[in-house]
Amino acid sequence: MSAYIQYPEEIQKCIDIYDPYAIQIYEGKLEGVPQEAIDAYNKAKKWFWEQKQ
């Protein structure tokens, strides 16, 4: 059994975009974080919330 979680392709793309900035975003230190990464994070966050994860 694999511990790897497969997300829908669209969500995985969002994760791939924001992942290098995840700690900065989590800490609210958005200076220097591309808007694309912030948008991807918000889109994935919304999806996770809808899935109750």
Protein backbone atom coordinates (compact mmCIF):
# COMPACT_ATOMS: atom_id res chain seq x y z
CA MET A 1 0.00 0.00 0.00
CA SER A 2 1.39 3.36 -1.01
CA ALA A 3 1.29 6.45 1.19
CA TYR A 4 1.36 8.63 -1.93
CA ILE A 5 -1.82 10.64 -2.38
CA GLN A 6 -2.99 11.31 -5.91
CA TYR A 7 -4.85 14.55 -6.38
CA PRO A 8 -6.78 15.64 -9.45
CA GLU A 9 -4.38 16.91 -12.12
CA GLU A 10 -5.57 20.51 -11.78
CA ILE A 11 -4.93 20.51 -8.01
CA GLN A 12 -1.56 18.78 -8.38
CA LYS A 13 -0.49 21.53 -10.80
CA CYS A 14 -1.44 24.12 -8.16
CA ILE A 15 0.56 22.26 -5.52
CA ASP A 16 3.57 22.08 -7.84
CA ILE A 17 3.37 25.85 -8.42
CA TYR A 18 3.05 26.96 -4.80
CA ASP A 19 5.15 24.27 -3.11
CA PRO A 20 8.50 26.12 -3.35
CA TYR A 21 6.86 29.03 -1.51
CA ALA A 22 4.66 27.04 0.89
CA ILE A 23 6.46 28.07 4.10
CA GLN A 24 6.48 31.75 3.13
CA ILE A 25 2.79 31.63 2.23
CA TYR A 26 1.92 29.78 5.45
CA GLU A 27 3.83 32.35 7.51
CA GLY A 28 2.20 35.23 5.62
CA LYS A 29 5.54 36.48 4.29
CA LEU A 30 4.34 37.15 0.77
CA GLU A 31 7.07 39.57 -0.30
CA GLY A 32 8.84 38.02 -3.26
CA VAL A 33 6.22 35.30 -3.76
CA PRO A 34 4.85 35.36 -7.31
CA GLN A 35 1.14 36.12 -7.61
CA GLU A 36 0.76 32.87 -9.57
CA ALA A 37 1.94 30.90 -6.51
CA ILE A 38 -0.46 32.75 -4.21
CA ASP A 39 -3.37 32.13 -6.59
CA ALA A 40 -2.44 28.44 -6.91
CA TYR A 41 -2.28 28.11 -3.13
CA ASN A 42 -5.70 29.71 -2.70
CA LYS A 43 -7.23 27.48 -5.38
CA ALA A 44 -5.81 24.31 -3.79
CA LYS A 45 -6.79 25.49 -0.30
CA LYS A 46 -10.36 26.02 -1.46
CA TRP A 47 -10.45 22.54 -3.01
CA PHE A 48 -9.03 20.92 0.16
CA TRP A 49 -11.58 22.78 2.28
CA GLU A 50 -14.39 21.51 0.04
CA GLN A 51 -13.04 17.97 0.46
CA LYS A 52 -12.79 18.48 4.25
CA GLN A 53 -9.10 17.62 4.25
